[in-house]
Amino acid sequence: MKTLFFALAASLVAGAPSALAQYQPGVYTSSQEYVQNSPAKPGTVTNPVAAHPYLEVVHASTYAVHRVPLTHAWGYANMQGQTFRVVDNKQYRLQPQQNGLVIYNRQRPVQNGRYTQVITEHFYSEGLDGKIHSLTKRALRQQLAVAQ
C-alpha cells in the first residue's frame, strides 16, 4: 500500500504527461468504451449541468439530440478533450492515469461571508471503475492502515 501513496504523490508532483490522449467527444457508458476511445453517443455534450438528470449530446453530422440519463453514463468527453467521470450525479474531471491509479478533481463553490470562492477538490480511485476516495492525508492513512 506504500506504493499507492508514492504513486499518488508522484502523479501529483509530475503533473500531466506531454503526450495526452485526445478522447472523442461524447458520452461513454462504460470504462471499456473510454479505454477504446469509442463513445456510445458521439457528439457535442451540451448539458453537463449537475442539476439535470441527463446529458444532452448533439450528433456532429445529423444534429440529432440524444438525452442520456446520468445513471446510464460512465462519463463524457467535451470538445476541449477534457474527460469526466459521473458518479452519484457528480462530475469528476479525469487526470492522466498512472500505475493503475486515476486522479480526479472537481471544482466546488464555497461561500465565504459575502464572497464565493471556488475551490478544487482532489480524488483518486484504483482503476477506472474503482470507488472514488478523497485525496487527503487522512484518507491515505486510512487506506494504508487497511492494507497492512
C-alpha atoms as a PDB file:
ATOM      1  CA  MET A   1       0.000   0.000   0.000  1.00  0.00           C
ATOM      2  CA  LYS A   2       3.017   2.248   0.384  1.00  0.00           C
ATOM      3  CA  THR A   3       3.348   2.085  -3.393  1.00  0.00           C
ATOM      4  CA  LEU A   4      -0.173   3.550  -3.584  1.00  0.00           C
ATOM      5  CA  PHE A   5       0.938   6.551  -1.547  1.00  0.00           C
ATOM      6  CA  PHE A   6       4.126   7.082  -3.577  1.00  0.00           C
ATOM      7  CA  ALA A   7       2.298   6.663  -6.884  1.00  0.00           C
ATOM      8  CA  LEU A   8      -0.280   9.253  -5.833  1.00  0.00           C
ATOM      9  CA  ALA A   9       2.405  11.667  -4.685  1.00  0.00           C
ATOM     10  CA  ALA A  10       4.392  11.181  -7.888  1.00  0.00           C
ATOM     11  CA  SER A  11       1.358  11.742 -10.093  1.00  0.00           C
ATOM     12  CA  LEU A  12       0.505  14.989  -8.308  1.00  0.00           C
ATOM     13  CA  VAL A  13       4.057  16.297  -8.480  1.00  0.00           C
ATOM     14  CA  ALA A  14       4.738  15.171 -12.036  1.00  0.00           C
ATOM     15  CA  GLY A  15       1.587  16.753 -13.443  1.00  0.00           C
ATOM     16  CA  ALA A  16       0.266  15.825 -16.853  1.00  0.00           C
ATOM     17  CA  PRO A  17       2.462  13.926 -19.293  1.00  0.00           C
ATOM     18  CA  SER A  18       3.355  15.678 -22.530  1.00  0.00           C
ATOM     19  CA  ALA A  19       1.512  13.211 -24.791  1.00  0.00           C
ATOM     20  CA  LEU A  20      -2.114  13.275 -23.666  1.00  0.00           C
ATOM     21  CA  ALA A  21      -4.638  11.080 -25.406  1.00  0.00           C
ATOM     22  CA  GLN A  22      -7.320  13.069 -27.223  1.00  0.00           C
ATOM     23  CA  TYR A  23     -10.677  11.485 -26.489  1.00  0.00           C
ATOM     24  CA  GLN A  24     -13.588  11.691 -28.895  1.00  0.00           C
ATOM     25  CA  PRO A  25     -16.320  13.979 -27.605  1.00  0.00           C
ATOM     26  CA  GLY A  26     -19.481  12.220 -26.500  1.00  0.00           C
ATOM     27  CA  VAL A  27     -20.955  10.081 -23.748  1.00  0.00           C
ATOM     28  CA  TYR A  28     -19.264   6.856 -22.636  1.00  0.00           C
ATOM     29  CA  THR A  29     -21.491   4.244 -20.993  1.00  0.00           C
ATOM     30  CA  SER A  30     -18.615   2.104 -19.669  1.00  0.00           C
ATOM     31  CA  SER A  31     -14.924   2.292 -18.890  1.00  0.00           C
ATOM     32  CA  GLN A  32     -14.247  -0.147 -21.739  1.00  0.00           C
ATOM     33  CA  GLU A  33     -15.661   2.364 -24.223  1.00  0.00           C
ATOM     34  CA  TYR A  34     -13.455   5.018 -22.632  1.00  0.00           C
ATOM     35  CA  VAL A  35     -10.327   2.862 -22.963  1.00  0.00           C
ATOM     36  CA  GLN A  36     -11.198   2.093 -26.600  1.00  0.00           C
ATOM     37  CA  ASN A  37     -11.979   5.792 -27.235  1.00  0.00           C
ATOM     38  CA  SER A  38     -15.340   4.834 -28.717  1.00  0.00           C
ATOM     39  CA  PRO A  39     -18.246   6.727 -27.134  1.00  0.00           C
ATOM     40  CA  ALA A  40     -21.707   5.135 -27.224  1.00  0.00           C
ATOM     41  CA  LYS A  41     -23.189   8.512 -28.181  1.00  0.00           C
ATOM     42  CA  PRO A  42     -20.577  10.546 -30.108  1.00  0.00           C
ATOM     43  CA  GLY A  43     -21.115  14.270 -30.447  1.00  0.00           C
ATOM     44  CA  THR A  44     -21.039  17.521 -28.536  1.00  0.00           C
ATOM     45  CA  VAL A  45     -22.136  17.275 -24.917  1.00  0.00           C
ATOM     46  CA  THR A  46     -24.272  20.379 -24.396  1.00  0.00           C
ATOM     47  CA  ASN A  47     -25.797  19.842 -20.956  1.00  0.00           C
ATOM     48  CA  PRO A  48     -23.187  18.810 -18.384  1.00  0.00           C
ATOM     49  CA  VAL A  49     -25.068  20.600 -15.579  1.00  0.00           C
ATOM     50  CA  ALA A  50     -25.453  18.648 -12.344  1.00  0.00           C
ATOM     51  CA  ALA A  51     -28.998  19.964 -11.835  1.00  0.00           C
ATOM     52  CA  HIS A  52     -30.310  17.893 -14.760  1.00  0.00           C
ATOM     53  CA  PRO A  53     -30.618  14.080 -14.561  1.00  0.00           C
ATOM     54  CA  TYR A  54     -29.313  13.654 -18.109  1.00  0.00           C
ATOM     55  CA  LEU A  55     -26.595  14.669 -20.564  1.00  0.00           C
ATOM     56  CA  GLU A  56     -27.568  16.109 -23.949  1.00  0.00           C
ATOM     57  CA  VAL A  57     -25.457  15.010 -26.909  1.00  0.00           C
ATOM     58  CA  VAL A  58     -25.737  16.679 -30.330  1.00  0.00           C
ATOM     59  CA  HIS A  59     -24.501  14.433 -33.154  1.00  0.00           C
ATOM     60  CA  ALA A  60     -21.969  16.267 -35.354  1.00  0.00           C
ATOM     61  CA  SER A  61     -23.340  15.361 -38.789  1.00  0.00           C
ATOM     62  CA  THR A  62     -27.079  14.780 -38.227  1.00  0.00           C
ATOM     63  CA  TYR A  63     -27.558  17.331 -35.422  1.00  0.00           C
ATOM     64  CA  ALA A  64     -29.824  14.819 -33.682  1.00  0.00           C
ATOM     65  CA  VAL A  65     -30.154  15.459 -29.951  1.00  0.00           C
ATOM     66  CA  HIS A  66     -29.906  12.473 -27.593  1.00  0.00           C
ATOM     67  CA  ARG A  67     -30.579  12.633 -23.867  1.00  0.00           C
ATOM     68  CA  VAL A  68     -28.547  10.104 -21.926  1.00  0.00           C
ATOM     69  CA  PRO A  69     -29.597   9.606 -18.277  1.00  0.00           C
ATOM     70  CA  LEU A  70     -26.759  10.179 -15.817  1.00  0.00           C
ATOM     71  CA  THR A  71     -27.459   6.746 -14.336  1.00  0.00           C
ATOM     72  CA  HIS A  72     -26.511   5.162 -17.702  1.00  0.00           C
ATOM     73  CA  ALA A  73     -23.429   7.307 -18.318  1.00  0.00           C
ATOM     74  CA  TRP A  74     -19.984   6.261 -17.100  1.00  0.00           C
ATOM     75  CA  GLY A  75     -18.592   9.603 -18.222  1.00  0.00           C
ATOM     76  CA  TYR A  76     -18.171  12.001 -21.112  1.00  0.00           C
ATOM     77  CA  ALA A  77     -15.607  13.983 -23.076  1.00  0.00           C
ATOM     78  CA  ASN A  78     -16.168  17.583 -24.130  1.00  0.00           C
ATOM     79  CA  MET A  79     -14.962  19.364 -27.253  1.00  0.00           C
ATOM     80  CA  GLN A  80     -11.796  20.572 -25.479  1.00  0.00           C
ATOM     81  CA  GLY A  81     -10.696  16.963 -24.902  1.00  0.00           C
ATOM     82  CA  GLN A  82     -11.378  17.038 -21.178  1.00  0.00           C
ATOM     83  CA  THR A  83     -12.882  13.834 -19.813  1.00  0.00           C
ATOM     84  CA  PHE A  84     -15.214  13.490 -16.857  1.00  0.00           C
ATOM     85  CA  ARG A  85     -16.482  10.519 -14.866  1.00  0.00           C
ATOM     86  CA  VAL A  86     -20.028  10.664 -13.493  1.00  0.00           C
ATOM     87  CA  VAL A  87     -20.585   9.066 -10.069  1.00  0.00           C
ATOM     88  CA  ASP A  88     -23.741   9.689  -7.998  1.00  0.00           C
ATOM     89  CA  ASN A  89     -24.738  12.583 -10.290  1.00  0.00           C
ATOM     90  CA  LYS A  90     -21.409  14.315  -9.563  1.00  0.00           C
ATOM     91  CA  GLN A  91     -18.893  15.017 -12.286  1.00  0.00           C
ATOM     92  CA  TYR A  92     -15.189  14.379 -11.660  1.00  0.00           C
ATOM     93  CA  ARG A  93     -12.579  15.536 -14.164  1.00  0.00           C
ATOM     94  CA  LEU A  94     -10.107  12.757 -15.007  1.00  0.00           C
ATOM     95  CA  GLN A  95      -6.393  13.390 -14.953  1.00  0.00           C
ATOM     96  CA  PRO A  96      -3.911  11.173 -16.829  1.00  0.00           C
ATOM     97  CA  GLN A  97      -3.758   7.647 -15.440  1.00  0.00           C
ATOM     98  CA  GLN A  98      -0.519   6.445 -13.835  1.00  0.00           C
ATOM     99  CA  ASN A  99       0.283   2.986 -12.426  1.00  0.00           C
ATOM    100  CA  GLY A 100      -3.373   1.932 -12.382  1.00  0.00           C
ATOM    101  CA  LEU A 101      -4.388   4.937 -10.286  1.00  0.00           C
ATOM    102  CA  VAL A 102      -6.782   7.531 -11.597  1.00  0.00           C
ATOM    103  CA  ILE A 103      -6.673  11.070 -10.228  1.00  0.00           C
ATOM    104  CA  TYR A 104      -9.757  13.295 -10.414  1.00  0.00           C
ATOM    105  CA  ASN A 105     -10.565  16.847  -9.476  1.00  0.00           C
ATOM    106  CA  ARG A 106     -13.783  18.764  -9.039  1.00  0.00           C
ATOM    107  CA  GLN A 107     -14.422  22.446  -8.518  1.00  0.00           C
ATOM    108  CA  ARG A 108     -16.871  23.471  -5.823  1.00  0.00           C
ATOM    109  CA  PRO A 109     -18.070  26.944  -4.804  1.00  0.00           C
ATOM    110  CA  VAL A 110     -17.679  27.828  -1.109  1.00  0.00           C
ATOM    111  CA  GLN A 111     -19.447  30.786   0.495  1.00  0.00           C
ATOM    112  CA  ASN A 112     -17.018  32.986   2.441  1.00  0.00           C
ATOM    113  CA  GLY A 113     -19.127  35.711   4.029  1.00  0.00           C
ATOM    114  CA  ARG A 114     -20.346  37.847   1.155  1.00  0.00           C
ATOM    115  CA  TYR A 115     -17.914  36.307  -1.296  1.00  0.00           C
ATOM    116  CA  THR A 116     -17.994  32.995  -3.114  1.00  0.00           C
ATOM    117  CA  GLN A 117     -14.709  31.224  -3.647  1.00  0.00           C
ATOM    118  CA  VAL A 118     -14.225  28.266  -5.984  1.00  0.00           C
ATOM    119  CA  ILE A 119     -12.007  25.540  -4.565  1.00  0.00           C
ATOM    120  CA  THR A 120     -10.609  22.479  -6.312  1.00  0.00           C
ATOM    121  CA  GLU A 121     -11.031  19.143  -4.541  1.00  0.00           C
ATOM    122  CA  HIS A 122      -8.849  16.161  -5.478  1.00  0.00           C
ATOM    123  CA  PHE A 123      -9.875  12.487  -5.537  1.00  0.00           C
ATOM    124  CA  TYR A 124      -8.431   9.143  -6.627  1.00  0.00           C
ATOM    125  CA  SER A 125      -9.553   5.626  -7.485  1.00  0.00           C
ATOM    126  CA  GLU A 126      -7.796   2.357  -8.156  1.00  0.00           C
ATOM    127  CA  GLY A 127      -8.622   1.724 -11.807  1.00  0.00           C
ATOM    128  CA  LEU A 128     -11.298   3.366 -13.919  1.00  0.00           C
ATOM    129  CA  ASP A 129     -14.194   1.582 -12.208  1.00  0.00           C
ATOM    130  CA  GLY A 130     -12.896   1.795  -8.641  1.00  0.00           C
ATOM    131  CA  LYS A 131     -14.563   3.633  -5.810  1.00  0.00           C
ATOM    132  CA  ILE A 132     -13.654   7.312  -5.666  1.00  0.00           C
ATOM    133  CA  HIS A 133     -11.835   8.377  -2.485  1.00  0.00           C
ATOM    134  CA  SER A 134     -10.968  11.848  -1.281  1.00  0.00           C
ATOM    135  CA  LEU A 135      -7.290  12.622  -1.801  1.00  0.00           C
ATOM    136  CA  THR A 136      -6.379  13.791   1.692  1.00  0.00           C
ATOM    137  CA  LYS A 137      -3.703  12.790   4.169  1.00  0.00           C
ATOM    138  CA  ARG A 138      -6.347  11.297   6.456  1.00  0.00           C
ATOM    139  CA  ALA A 139      -7.858   9.155   3.685  1.00  0.00           C
ATOM    140  CA  LEU A 140      -4.407   7.950   2.605  1.00  0.00           C
ATOM    141  CA  ARG A 141      -3.518   6.996   6.183  1.00  0.00           C
ATOM    142  CA  GLN A 142      -6.761   5.038   6.478  1.00  0.00           C
ATOM    143  CA  GLN A 143      -6.055   3.221   3.200  1.00  0.00           C
ATOM    144  CA  LEU A 144      -2.551   2.361   4.402  1.00  0.00           C
ATOM    145  CA  ALA A 145      -3.912   1.069   7.744  1.00  0.00           C
ATOM    146  CA  VAL A 146      -6.461  -1.150   5.989  1.00  0.00           C
ATOM    147  CA  ALA A 147      -3.843  -2.599   3.631  1.00  0.00           C
ATOM    148  CA  GLN A 148      -1.435  -3.599   6.404  1.00  0.00           C
END
